């Protein structure tokens, strides 16, 4: 069962969301207009390193606390963090009036280069092209990144395109994706003064 535990303030784009299941207990706090501050306690260090990239490069404050069945593996914990973070974004962004709505970023790290494009469309969709050169990074199963992003888009209701364009160091591949994800989110979530009070859609709703 997932429930928001704090209402969204009209003056601050924030959210706190909890998710409690038989497999995981997750709490996410999010401020879209933050300073890039992050605090994590998930039991999955490499995922925390990646979440930190979202906060720092997206200039948003993110706290994630998670307890999961890590004695089995990290699958449920990583997926449910993606779900809960997506729900927090959906709550914090509000009615989307005045949003730029679309965001994109290219980010390099040495030999690696990734592109991420996001649309706060109100429709979940994921196009994921991340051909990792090895199956694990420091014990982290790279297959779980797909589960994270799928959980995120399904519950944030965004369209997300992820493309690792080149790279042979798997750590670099992952880091460029998460840095680009943060920067694309930052662009999309910017309030455009020229669009003040206007829904960025010909449908009139997102």
N, C-alpha and C. Protein backbone atom coordinates (compact mmCIF):
# COMPACT_ATOMS: atom_id res chain seq x y z
N UNK A 1 0.85 -1.20 0.00
CA UNK A 1 0.00 0.00 0.00
C UNK A 1 0.88 1.24 0.00
N UNK A 2 0.57 2.21 -0.88
CA UNK A 2 1.33 3.44 -0.97
C UNK A 2 0.43 4.60 -0.62
N UNK A 3 0.93 5.52 0.20
CA UNK A 3 0.13 6.67 0.56
C UNK A 3 1.00 7.90 0.74
N UNK A 4 0.54 9.06 0.22
CA UNK A 4 1.25 10.30 0.51
C UNK A 4 1.04 10.66 1.97
N UNK A 5 2.09 11.10 2.65
CA UNK A 5 1.94 11.40 4.07
C UNK A 5 2.00 12.89 4.36
N UNK A 6 2.30 13.69 3.33
CA UNK A 6 2.24 15.13 3.51
C UNK A 6 1.61 15.74 2.26
N UNK A 7 0.65 16.64 2.41
CA UNK A 7 0.04 17.26 1.24
C UNK A 7 1.03 18.20 0.54
N UNK A 8 0.85 18.36 -0.75
CA UNK A 8 1.69 19.26 -1.51
C UNK A 8 1.28 20.70 -1.24
N UNK A 9 2.26 21.53 -0.92
CA UNK A 9 2.01 22.95 -0.72
C UNK A 9 1.98 23.64 -2.08
N UNK A 10 1.08 24.60 -2.23
CA UNK A 10 1.00 25.34 -3.48
C UNK A 10 2.23 26.22 -3.69
N UNK A 11 2.95 26.54 -2.61
CA UNK A 11 4.10 27.43 -2.72
C UNK A 11 5.42 26.68 -2.81
N UNK A 12 5.37 25.39 -2.64
CA UNK A 12 6.61 24.61 -2.68
C UNK A 12 6.35 23.29 -3.39
N UNK A 13 7.21 22.98 -4.35
CA UNK A 13 7.03 21.74 -5.10
C UNK A 13 7.74 20.61 -4.34
N UNK A 14 7.04 20.08 -3.37
CA UNK A 14 7.61 19.07 -2.50
C UNK A 14 6.66 17.89 -2.38
N UNK A 15 7.20 16.77 -1.92
CA UNK A 15 6.38 15.59 -1.66
C UNK A 15 7.10 14.69 -0.68
N UNK A 16 6.33 13.97 0.11
CA UNK A 16 6.83 12.88 0.93
C UNK A 16 5.90 11.70 0.69
N UNK A 17 6.46 10.59 0.27
CA UNK A 17 5.66 9.41 -0.05
C UNK A 17 6.24 8.19 0.63
N UNK A 18 5.37 7.37 1.19
CA UNK A 18 5.78 6.10 1.79
C UNK A 18 5.16 4.94 1.03
N UNK A 19 5.92 3.87 0.94
CA UNK A 19 5.44 2.63 0.32
C UNK A 19 5.80 1.48 1.24
N UNK A 20 4.81 0.75 1.70
CA UNK A 20 5.02 -0.38 2.60
C UNK A 20 4.43 -1.63 1.98
N UNK A 21 5.27 -2.62 1.74
CA UNK A 21 4.82 -3.92 1.24
C UNK A 21 5.45 -5.02 2.08
N UNK A 22 5.13 -6.26 1.78
CA UNK A 22 5.75 -7.37 2.49
C UNK A 22 7.22 -7.53 2.12
N UNK A 23 7.65 -6.85 1.03
CA UNK A 23 9.03 -6.96 0.57
C UNK A 23 9.89 -5.77 0.93
N UNK A 24 9.28 -4.58 0.97
CA UNK A 24 10.05 -3.36 1.21
C UNK A 24 9.26 -2.35 2.02
N UNK A 25 10.00 -1.46 2.68
CA UNK A 25 9.43 -0.27 3.30
C UNK A 25 10.28 0.91 2.82
N UNK A 26 9.64 1.80 2.08
CA UNK A 26 10.35 2.90 1.42
C UNK A 26 9.74 4.23 1.86
N UNK A 27 10.59 5.22 2.07
CA UNK A 27 10.13 6.60 2.26
C UNK A 27 11.00 7.53 1.43
N UNK A 28 10.35 8.34 0.62
CA UNK A 28 11.04 9.30 -0.25
C UNK A 28 10.56 10.70 0.09
N UNK A 29 11.50 11.61 0.30
CA UNK A 29 11.21 13.04 0.45
C UNK A 29 11.86 13.76 -0.73
N UNK A 30 11.11 14.68 -1.34
CA UNK A 30 11.57 15.33 -2.57
C UNK A 30 11.22 16.80 -2.54
N UNK A 31 12.19 17.63 -2.91
CA UNK A 31 11.95 19.05 -3.16
C UNK A 31 12.52 19.38 -4.54
N UNK A 32 11.65 19.72 -5.47
CA UNK A 32 12.11 19.97 -6.83
C UNK A 32 12.95 21.24 -6.95
N UNK A 33 12.73 22.19 -6.06
CA UNK A 33 13.44 23.46 -6.11
C UNK A 33 14.45 23.51 -4.98
N UNK A 34 15.39 22.59 -5.03
CA UNK A 34 16.34 22.45 -3.94
C UNK A 34 17.73 22.93 -4.31
N UNK A 35 18.71 22.38 -3.58
CA UNK A 35 20.11 22.78 -3.77
C UNK A 35 21.00 21.59 -4.12
N UNK A 36 20.39 20.50 -4.53
CA UNK A 36 21.18 19.33 -4.90
C UNK A 36 21.62 18.51 -3.71
N UNK A 37 20.91 18.63 -2.59
CA UNK A 37 21.27 17.90 -1.39
C UNK A 37 20.62 16.52 -1.40
N UNK A 38 21.33 15.54 -0.86
CA UNK A 38 20.84 14.16 -0.90
C UNK A 38 21.17 13.45 0.40
N UNK A 39 20.30 12.53 0.77
CA UNK A 39 20.50 11.70 1.95
C UNK A 39 19.87 10.35 1.69
N UNK A 40 20.67 9.29 1.83
CA UNK A 40 20.18 7.96 1.49
C UNK A 40 20.56 6.94 2.55
N UNK A 41 19.66 6.01 2.75
CA UNK A 41 19.93 4.84 3.58
C UNK A 41 19.09 3.71 3.02
N UNK A 42 19.67 2.98 2.06
CA UNK A 42 18.91 1.96 1.32
C UNK A 42 19.51 0.56 1.42
N UNK A 43 20.78 0.48 1.81
CA UNK A 43 21.46 -0.81 1.80
C UNK A 43 21.98 -1.19 0.43
N UNK A 44 21.84 -0.29 -0.55
CA UNK A 44 22.32 -0.56 -1.93
C UNK A 44 23.24 0.59 -2.33
N UNK A 45 24.52 0.51 -1.98
CA UNK A 45 25.43 1.65 -2.14
C UNK A 45 25.55 2.18 -3.56
N UNK A 46 25.62 1.30 -4.55
CA UNK A 46 25.81 1.83 -5.90
C UNK A 46 24.57 2.57 -6.39
N UNK A 47 23.39 2.09 -6.03
CA UNK A 47 22.18 2.82 -6.38
C UNK A 47 22.19 4.20 -5.70
N UNK A 48 22.64 4.27 -4.47
CA UNK A 48 22.72 5.56 -3.77
C UNK A 48 23.65 6.51 -4.52
N UNK A 49 24.75 5.99 -5.02
CA UNK A 49 25.69 6.81 -5.80
C UNK A 49 24.99 7.38 -7.04
N UNK A 50 24.14 6.58 -7.67
CA UNK A 50 23.42 7.04 -8.85
C UNK A 50 22.32 8.03 -8.49
N UNK A 51 21.61 7.79 -7.40
CA UNK A 51 20.57 8.72 -6.96
C UNK A 51 21.18 10.08 -6.61
N UNK A 52 22.39 10.05 -6.09
CA UNK A 52 23.08 11.30 -5.77
C UNK A 52 23.31 12.13 -7.03
N UNK A 53 23.56 11.45 -8.17
CA UNK A 53 23.74 12.17 -9.43
C UNK A 53 22.46 12.91 -9.82
N UNK A 54 21.30 12.27 -9.60
CA UNK A 54 20.02 12.93 -9.92
C UNK A 54 19.87 14.20 -9.11
N UNK A 55 20.14 14.10 -7.80
CA UNK A 55 19.98 15.26 -6.93
C UNK A 55 20.94 16.37 -7.31
N UNK A 56 22.23 16.04 -7.46
CA UNK A 56 23.24 17.06 -7.70
C UNK A 56 23.05 17.75 -9.05
N UNK A 57 22.81 16.95 -10.08
CA UNK A 57 22.72 17.52 -11.43
C UNK A 57 21.32 18.02 -11.74
N UNK A 58 20.33 17.56 -11.00
CA UNK A 58 18.97 18.06 -11.17
C UNK A 58 18.67 19.24 -10.27
N UNK A 59 19.59 19.57 -9.36
CA UNK A 59 19.40 20.65 -8.38
C UNK A 59 18.08 20.48 -7.64
N UNK A 60 17.88 19.27 -7.12
CA UNK A 60 16.72 18.97 -6.30
C UNK A 60 17.19 18.23 -5.05
N UNK A 61 16.45 18.35 -3.98
CA UNK A 61 16.79 17.67 -2.74
C UNK A 61 16.02 16.36 -2.66
N UNK A 62 16.75 15.28 -2.41
CA UNK A 62 16.14 13.95 -2.38
C UNK A 62 16.63 13.20 -1.15
N UNK A 63 15.70 12.64 -0.41
CA UNK A 63 16.02 11.73 0.68
C UNK A 63 15.30 10.41 0.41
N UNK A 64 16.02 9.32 0.55
CA UNK A 64 15.43 7.99 0.35
C UNK A 64 15.87 7.09 1.48
N UNK A 65 14.90 6.54 2.18
CA UNK A 65 15.16 5.55 3.23
C UNK A 65 14.44 4.27 2.82
N UNK A 66 15.16 3.16 2.87
CA UNK A 66 14.57 1.90 2.42
C UNK A 66 15.07 0.73 3.24
N UNK A 67 14.14 -0.16 3.54
CA UNK A 67 14.47 -1.46 4.11
C UNK A 67 13.81 -2.50 3.22
N UNK A 68 14.63 -3.40 2.70
CA UNK A 68 14.10 -4.39 1.79
C UNK A 68 14.68 -5.76 2.04
N UNK A 69 14.18 -6.72 1.30
CA UNK A 69 14.62 -8.11 1.46
C UNK A 69 15.95 -8.35 0.73
N UNK A 70 16.97 -7.65 1.17
CA UNK A 70 18.29 -7.74 0.53
C UNK A 70 18.94 -9.10 0.76
N UNK A 71 18.42 -9.88 1.71
CA UNK A 71 18.94 -11.24 1.89
C UNK A 71 18.60 -12.11 0.69
N UNK A 72 17.59 -11.69 -0.09
CA UNK A 72 17.28 -12.40 -1.34
C UNK A 72 18.14 -11.80 -2.45
N UNK A 73 17.87 -10.56 -2.79
CA UNK A 73 18.72 -9.76 -3.67
C UNK A 73 18.17 -8.34 -3.62
N UNK A 74 18.71 -7.46 -4.47
CA UNK A 74 18.32 -6.05 -4.42
C UNK A 74 17.14 -5.71 -5.32
N UNK A 75 16.58 -6.70 -6.00
CA UNK A 75 15.56 -6.43 -7.01
C UNK A 75 14.38 -5.64 -6.47
N UNK A 76 13.74 -6.15 -5.42
CA UNK A 76 12.54 -5.50 -4.91
C UNK A 76 12.84 -4.10 -4.37
N UNK A 77 13.99 -3.95 -3.72
CA UNK A 77 14.35 -2.65 -3.16
C UNK A 77 14.56 -1.63 -4.25
N UNK A 78 15.31 -1.98 -5.28
CA UNK A 78 15.60 -1.04 -6.37
C UNK A 78 14.33 -0.69 -7.13
N UNK A 79 13.52 -1.68 -7.46
CA UNK A 79 12.28 -1.43 -8.19
C UNK A 79 11.33 -0.55 -7.38
N UNK A 80 11.19 -0.84 -6.09
CA UNK A 80 10.25 -0.09 -5.27
C UNK A 80 10.74 1.33 -4.99
N UNK A 81 12.05 1.54 -4.95
CA UNK A 81 12.56 2.91 -4.86
C UNK A 81 12.19 3.68 -6.12
N UNK A 82 12.32 3.05 -7.28
CA UNK A 82 11.91 3.69 -8.53
C UNK A 82 10.44 4.06 -8.52
N UNK A 83 9.60 3.13 -8.05
CA UNK A 83 8.16 3.38 -7.97
C UNK A 83 7.86 4.55 -7.05
N UNK A 84 8.44 4.52 -5.86
CA UNK A 84 8.13 5.55 -4.86
C UNK A 84 8.67 6.91 -5.28
N UNK A 85 9.87 6.93 -5.87
CA UNK A 85 10.41 8.19 -6.38
C UNK A 85 9.51 8.75 -7.48
N UNK A 86 9.02 7.88 -8.35
CA UNK A 86 8.11 8.33 -9.40
C UNK A 86 6.84 8.93 -8.83
N UNK A 87 6.30 8.30 -7.79
CA UNK A 87 5.10 8.84 -7.15
C UNK A 87 5.37 10.20 -6.52
N UNK A 88 6.56 10.35 -5.94
CA UNK A 88 6.92 11.64 -5.33
C UNK A 88 7.00 12.73 -6.39
N UNK A 89 7.57 12.42 -7.57
CA UNK A 89 7.62 13.41 -8.65
C UNK A 89 6.22 13.77 -9.11
N UNK A 90 5.36 12.77 -9.28
CA UNK A 90 4.00 13.05 -9.72
C UNK A 90 3.27 13.96 -8.75
N UNK A 91 3.51 13.77 -7.46
CA UNK A 91 2.87 14.59 -6.45
C UNK A 91 3.47 16.00 -6.40
N UNK A 92 4.80 16.09 -6.46
CA UNK A 92 5.47 17.38 -6.30
C UNK A 92 5.25 18.31 -7.48
N UNK A 93 5.12 17.76 -8.68
CA UNK A 93 5.03 18.61 -9.87
C UNK A 93 3.69 19.31 -9.97
N UNK A 94 2.66 18.79 -9.32
CA UNK A 94 1.37 19.47 -9.30
C UNK A 94 0.65 19.43 -10.63
N UNK A 95 0.00 20.54 -10.99
CA UNK A 95 -0.86 20.55 -12.19
C UNK A 95 -0.08 20.78 -13.48
N UNK A 96 1.21 21.03 -13.39
CA UNK A 96 2.11 21.17 -14.53
C UNK A 96 1.96 22.47 -15.31
N UNK A 97 1.11 23.38 -14.85
CA UNK A 97 0.97 24.65 -15.55
C UNK A 97 2.29 25.43 -15.47
N UNK A 98 2.69 25.98 -16.60
CA UNK A 98 3.91 26.77 -16.66
C UNK A 98 5.19 25.99 -16.84
N UNK A 99 5.10 24.66 -16.84
CA UNK A 99 6.31 23.84 -17.00
C UNK A 99 6.89 23.96 -18.40
N UNK A 100 8.22 23.88 -18.49
CA UNK A 100 8.85 23.67 -19.79
C UNK A 100 8.36 22.35 -20.37
N UNK A 101 8.16 21.36 -19.53
CA UNK A 101 7.60 20.03 -19.83
C UNK A 101 8.63 19.07 -20.43
N UNK A 102 9.39 19.51 -21.41
CA UNK A 102 10.37 18.64 -22.06
C UNK A 102 11.78 18.95 -21.55
N UNK A 103 12.59 17.91 -21.42
CA UNK A 103 13.97 18.11 -21.03
C UNK A 103 14.88 17.11 -21.71
N UNK A 104 16.10 17.53 -21.98
CA UNK A 104 17.05 16.62 -22.61
C UNK A 104 18.46 16.97 -22.14
N UNK A 105 19.34 16.01 -22.19
CA UNK A 105 20.74 16.25 -21.83
C UNK A 105 21.63 15.19 -22.43
N UNK A 106 22.79 15.62 -22.89
CA UNK A 106 23.90 14.74 -23.25
C UNK A 106 24.95 14.91 -22.17
N UNK A 107 25.47 13.81 -21.65
CA UNK A 107 26.51 13.90 -20.62
C UNK A 107 27.64 12.91 -20.95
N UNK A 108 28.88 13.38 -21.01
CA UNK A 108 30.03 12.50 -21.20
C UNK A 108 30.72 12.21 -19.87
N UNK A 109 31.40 11.12 -19.82
CA UNK A 109 32.34 10.83 -18.73
C UNK A 109 33.45 10.00 -19.35
N UNK A 110 34.58 10.65 -19.58
CA UNK A 110 35.70 10.00 -20.27
C UNK A 110 35.22 9.40 -21.59
N UNK A 111 35.28 8.09 -21.74
CA UNK A 111 34.94 7.47 -23.02
C UNK A 111 33.44 7.27 -23.22
N UNK A 112 32.65 7.45 -22.17
CA UNK A 112 31.22 7.16 -22.22
C UNK A 112 30.41 8.42 -22.53
N UNK A 113 29.30 8.23 -23.22
CA UNK A 113 28.40 9.34 -23.56
C UNK A 113 26.98 8.82 -23.56
N UNK A 114 26.08 9.53 -22.86
CA UNK A 114 24.68 9.14 -22.81
C UNK A 114 23.78 10.32 -23.08
N UNK A 115 22.60 10.00 -23.60
CA UNK A 115 21.56 11.01 -23.87
C UNK A 115 20.27 10.56 -23.18
N UNK A 116 19.64 11.51 -22.48
CA UNK A 116 18.35 11.24 -21.84
C UNK A 116 17.38 12.34 -22.24
N UNK A 117 16.17 11.95 -22.64
CA UNK A 117 15.12 12.89 -23.02
C UNK A 117 13.87 12.52 -22.23
N UNK A 118 13.23 13.53 -21.62
CA UNK A 118 12.06 13.28 -20.79
C UNK A 118 10.93 14.22 -21.17
N UNK A 119 9.71 13.71 -21.08
CA UNK A 119 8.50 14.50 -21.34
C UNK A 119 7.52 14.22 -20.21
N UNK A 120 7.13 15.26 -19.48
CA UNK A 120 6.12 15.10 -18.43
C UNK A 120 4.74 15.10 -19.10
N UNK A 121 4.51 14.03 -19.83
CA UNK A 121 3.38 13.90 -20.75
C UNK A 121 2.10 13.45 -20.08
N UNK A 122 2.19 12.90 -18.87
CA UNK A 122 1.03 12.28 -18.25
C UNK A 122 0.81 10.85 -18.71
N UNK A 123 1.73 10.36 -19.54
CA UNK A 123 1.63 8.99 -20.06
C UNK A 123 2.94 8.26 -19.78
N UNK A 124 2.89 7.08 -19.19
CA UNK A 124 4.12 6.34 -18.94
C UNK A 124 4.66 5.68 -20.21
N UNK A 125 5.93 5.87 -20.47
CA UNK A 125 6.57 5.22 -21.61
C UNK A 125 8.07 5.23 -21.44
N UNK A 126 8.70 4.11 -21.69
CA UNK A 126 10.15 3.99 -21.53
C UNK A 126 10.77 3.37 -22.76
N UNK A 127 11.75 4.07 -23.33
CA UNK A 127 12.60 3.53 -24.38
C UNK A 127 14.01 3.48 -23.81
N UNK A 128 14.54 2.27 -23.62
CA UNK A 128 15.75 2.07 -22.81
C UNK A 128 16.78 1.33 -23.62
N UNK A 129 17.89 1.99 -23.91
CA UNK A 129 18.97 1.39 -24.70
C UNK A 129 20.28 1.62 -23.95
N UNK A 130 20.63 0.68 -23.10
CA UNK A 130 21.80 0.80 -22.23
C UNK A 130 22.56 -0.53 -22.25
N UNK A 131 23.40 -0.71 -23.28
CA UNK A 131 24.11 -1.98 -23.46
C UNK A 131 25.35 -2.08 -22.57
N UNK A 132 25.14 -2.44 -21.32
CA UNK A 132 26.26 -2.53 -20.39
C UNK A 132 27.30 -3.54 -20.87
N UNK A 133 28.55 -3.22 -20.61
CA UNK A 133 29.65 -4.09 -21.04
C UNK A 133 29.96 -5.19 -20.04
N UNK A 134 29.32 -5.14 -18.86
CA UNK A 134 29.44 -6.25 -17.92
C UNK A 134 28.17 -6.35 -17.10
N UNK A 135 27.98 -7.46 -16.43
CA UNK A 135 26.71 -7.77 -15.78
C UNK A 135 26.56 -7.15 -14.40
N UNK A 136 27.66 -6.75 -13.78
CA UNK A 136 27.59 -6.22 -12.43
C UNK A 136 28.63 -5.13 -12.25
N UNK A 137 28.28 -4.14 -11.40
CA UNK A 137 29.20 -3.07 -11.03
C UNK A 137 29.33 -3.12 -9.52
N UNK A 138 30.48 -3.55 -9.03
CA UNK A 138 30.68 -3.64 -7.60
C UNK A 138 29.64 -4.48 -6.89
N UNK A 139 29.19 -5.54 -7.54
CA UNK A 139 28.18 -6.41 -6.96
C UNK A 139 26.75 -6.01 -7.26
N UNK A 140 26.56 -4.85 -7.91
CA UNK A 140 25.21 -4.40 -8.27
C UNK A 140 24.84 -4.97 -9.64
N UNK A 141 23.72 -5.67 -9.71
CA UNK A 141 23.23 -6.26 -10.95
C UNK A 141 22.70 -5.15 -11.86
N UNK A 142 23.35 -4.93 -13.01
CA UNK A 142 22.96 -3.81 -13.86
C UNK A 142 21.57 -3.98 -14.47
N UNK A 143 21.03 -5.20 -14.50
CA UNK A 143 19.66 -5.40 -14.98
C UNK A 143 18.66 -4.61 -14.14
N UNK A 144 19.02 -4.31 -12.90
CA UNK A 144 18.08 -3.64 -12.01
C UNK A 144 17.85 -2.17 -12.38
N UNK A 145 18.74 -1.58 -13.19
CA UNK A 145 18.50 -0.21 -13.62
C UNK A 145 17.24 -0.12 -14.48
N UNK A 146 17.00 -1.12 -15.32
CA UNK A 146 15.76 -1.14 -16.11
C UNK A 146 14.55 -1.19 -15.18
N UNK A 147 14.62 -1.99 -14.13
CA UNK A 147 13.51 -2.08 -13.19
C UNK A 147 13.28 -0.73 -12.49
N UNK A 148 14.35 -0.07 -12.14
CA UNK A 148 14.25 1.25 -11.50
C UNK A 148 13.54 2.24 -12.42
N UNK A 149 14.02 2.35 -13.65
CA UNK A 149 13.45 3.33 -14.57
C UNK A 149 12.02 2.97 -14.98
N UNK A 150 11.74 1.67 -15.13
CA UNK A 150 10.37 1.28 -15.46
C UNK A 150 9.41 1.63 -14.33
N UNK A 151 9.82 1.38 -13.10
CA UNK A 151 9.01 1.76 -11.96
C UNK A 151 8.80 3.27 -11.90
N UNK A 152 9.87 4.02 -12.19
CA UNK A 152 9.77 5.48 -12.15
C UNK A 152 8.77 6.00 -13.18
N UNK A 153 8.92 5.60 -14.45
CA UNK A 153 8.04 6.17 -15.48
C UNK A 153 6.59 5.76 -15.27
N UNK A 154 6.36 4.53 -14.80
CA UNK A 154 5.00 4.05 -14.59
C UNK A 154 4.26 4.90 -13.56
N UNK A 155 4.99 5.44 -12.58
CA UNK A 155 4.33 6.13 -11.49
C UNK A 155 4.53 7.65 -11.53
N UNK A 156 5.54 8.12 -12.25
CA UNK A 156 5.66 9.56 -12.48
C UNK A 156 4.83 9.99 -13.68
N UNK A 157 4.40 9.00 -14.49
CA UNK A 157 3.64 9.27 -15.71
C UNK A 157 4.41 10.19 -16.65
N UNK A 158 5.63 9.76 -16.97
CA UNK A 158 6.47 10.48 -17.91
C UNK A 158 6.87 9.56 -19.05
N UNK A 159 7.22 10.18 -20.17
CA UNK A 159 7.86 9.47 -21.27
C UNK A 159 9.36 9.70 -21.14
N UNK A 160 10.13 8.61 -21.20
CA UNK A 160 11.57 8.71 -20.95
C UNK A 160 12.33 7.90 -21.98
N UNK A 161 13.28 8.55 -22.64
CA UNK A 161 14.17 7.89 -23.60
C UNK A 161 15.59 7.93 -23.05
N UNK A 162 16.19 6.77 -22.92
CA UNK A 162 17.55 6.63 -22.39
C UNK A 162 18.40 5.93 -23.42
N UNK A 163 19.49 6.58 -23.83
CA UNK A 163 20.40 5.99 -24.81
C UNK A 163 21.84 6.19 -24.36
N UNK A 164 22.53 5.09 -24.09
CA UNK A 164 23.97 5.15 -23.91
C UNK A 164 24.59 5.03 -25.30
N UNK A 165 25.19 6.10 -25.76
CA UNK A 165 25.66 6.18 -27.14
C UNK A 165 27.00 5.51 -27.34
N UNK A 166 27.83 5.52 -26.28
CA UNK A 166 29.10 4.81 -26.35
C UNK A 166 29.67 4.67 -24.95
N UNK A 167 30.62 3.78 -24.82
CA UNK A 167 31.27 3.57 -23.54
C UNK A 167 31.65 2.12 -23.35
N UNK A 168 32.78 1.88 -22.66
CA UNK A 168 33.18 0.50 -22.37
C UNK A 168 33.38 0.26 -20.88
N UNK A 169 33.39 1.31 -20.07
CA UNK A 169 33.46 1.17 -18.63
C UNK A 169 32.02 1.24 -18.09
N UNK A 170 31.53 0.15 -17.51
CA UNK A 170 30.13 0.07 -17.10
C UNK A 170 29.77 1.13 -16.05
N UNK A 171 30.71 1.42 -15.16
CA UNK A 171 30.46 2.48 -14.16
C UNK A 171 30.23 3.81 -14.86
N UNK A 172 31.06 4.11 -15.86
CA UNK A 172 30.90 5.34 -16.61
C UNK A 172 29.58 5.37 -17.37
N UNK A 173 29.21 4.23 -17.95
CA UNK A 173 27.94 4.15 -18.68
C UNK A 173 26.78 4.52 -17.76
N UNK A 174 26.74 3.91 -16.59
CA UNK A 174 25.65 4.17 -15.65
C UNK A 174 25.66 5.62 -15.18
N UNK A 175 26.84 6.12 -14.86
CA UNK A 175 26.92 7.47 -14.30
C UNK A 175 26.51 8.52 -15.31
N UNK A 176 26.87 8.35 -16.57
CA UNK A 176 26.45 9.32 -17.58
C UNK A 176 24.93 9.32 -17.73
N UNK A 177 24.31 8.14 -17.63
CA UNK A 177 22.85 8.06 -17.74
C UNK A 177 22.18 8.81 -16.59
N UNK A 178 22.63 8.59 -15.37
CA UNK A 178 21.98 9.22 -14.23
C UNK A 178 22.25 10.72 -14.16
N UNK A 179 23.45 11.14 -14.56
CA UNK A 179 23.71 12.57 -14.62
C UNK A 179 22.83 13.23 -15.68
N UNK A 180 22.72 12.60 -16.84
CA UNK A 180 21.87 13.15 -17.90
C UNK A 180 20.40 13.14 -17.48
N UNK A 181 19.99 12.10 -16.76
CA UNK A 181 18.62 12.03 -16.25
C UNK A 181 18.33 13.20 -15.32
N UNK A 182 19.25 13.49 -14.41
CA UNK A 182 19.08 14.62 -13.51
C UNK A 182 18.97 15.94 -14.25
N UNK A 183 19.84 16.14 -15.22
CA UNK A 183 19.83 17.41 -15.95
C UNK A 183 18.60 17.54 -16.85
N UNK A 184 18.15 16.44 -17.43
CA UNK A 184 16.93 16.47 -18.25
C UNK A 184 15.71 16.79 -17.38
N UNK A 185 15.66 16.19 -16.19
CA UNK A 185 14.57 16.51 -15.26
C UNK A 185 14.59 17.98 -14.89
N UNK A 186 15.77 18.50 -14.62
CA UNK A 186 15.90 19.91 -14.23
C UNK A 186 15.36 20.82 -15.31
N UNK A 187 15.67 20.53 -16.57
CA UNK A 187 15.18 21.34 -17.68
C UNK A 187 13.66 21.24 -17.79
N UNK A 188 13.13 20.02 -17.75
CA UNK A 188 11.70 19.81 -17.94
C UNK A 188 10.87 20.44 -16.84
N UNK A 189 11.41 20.46 -15.62
CA UNK A 189 10.66 20.93 -14.46
C UNK A 189 10.83 22.43 -14.20
N UNK A 190 11.60 23.09 -15.04
CA UNK A 190 11.75 24.54 -14.92
C UNK A 190 10.43 25.24 -15.22
N UNK A 191 10.11 26.25 -14.42
CA UNK A 191 8.93 27.06 -14.69
C UNK A 191 9.30 28.14 -15.71
N UNK A 192 8.60 28.14 -16.84
CA UNK A 192 8.84 29.09 -17.92
C UNK A 192 7.98 30.33 -17.69
N UNK A 193 8.60 31.50 -17.42
CA UNK A 193 7.79 32.71 -17.16
C UNK A 193 6.83 33.04 -18.29
N UNK A 194 7.20 32.70 -19.52
CA UNK A 194 6.33 32.99 -20.65
C UNK A 194 5.09 32.09 -20.67
N UNK A 195 5.16 30.98 -19.90
CA UNK A 195 4.05 30.03 -19.86
C UNK A 195 3.30 30.08 -18.53
N UNK A 196 3.45 31.18 -17.79
CA UNK A 196 2.86 31.27 -16.46
C UNK A 196 1.36 31.00 -16.50
N UNK A 197 0.94 30.00 -15.72
CA UNK A 197 -0.47 29.65 -15.64
C UNK A 197 -1.02 28.92 -16.84
N UNK A 198 -0.16 28.61 -17.81
CA UNK A 198 -0.60 27.96 -19.05
C UNK A 198 -0.21 26.50 -19.03
N UNK A 199 -1.14 25.63 -19.43
CA UNK A 199 -0.85 24.20 -19.55
C UNK A 199 -0.05 23.96 -20.83
N UNK A 200 1.12 23.33 -20.73
CA UNK A 200 1.95 23.14 -21.93
C UNK A 200 1.47 21.97 -22.79
N UNK A 201 0.22 22.06 -23.23
CA UNK A 201 -0.37 21.01 -24.06
C UNK A 201 -1.58 21.56 -24.78
N UNK A 202 -1.75 21.18 -26.06
CA UNK A 202 -2.93 21.60 -26.79
C UNK A 202 -4.19 20.90 -26.28
N UNK A 203 -4.01 19.82 -25.51
CA UNK A 203 -5.16 19.12 -24.92
C UNK A 203 -5.76 19.90 -23.76
N UNK A 204 -4.95 20.78 -23.16
CA UNK A 204 -5.41 21.52 -22.01
C UNK A 204 -5.25 20.77 -20.69
N UNK A 205 -4.67 19.57 -20.76
CA UNK A 205 -4.47 18.76 -19.57
C UNK A 205 -3.31 17.80 -19.83
N UNK A 206 -2.55 17.51 -18.79
CA UNK A 206 -1.47 16.53 -18.87
C UNK A 206 -1.64 15.54 -17.73
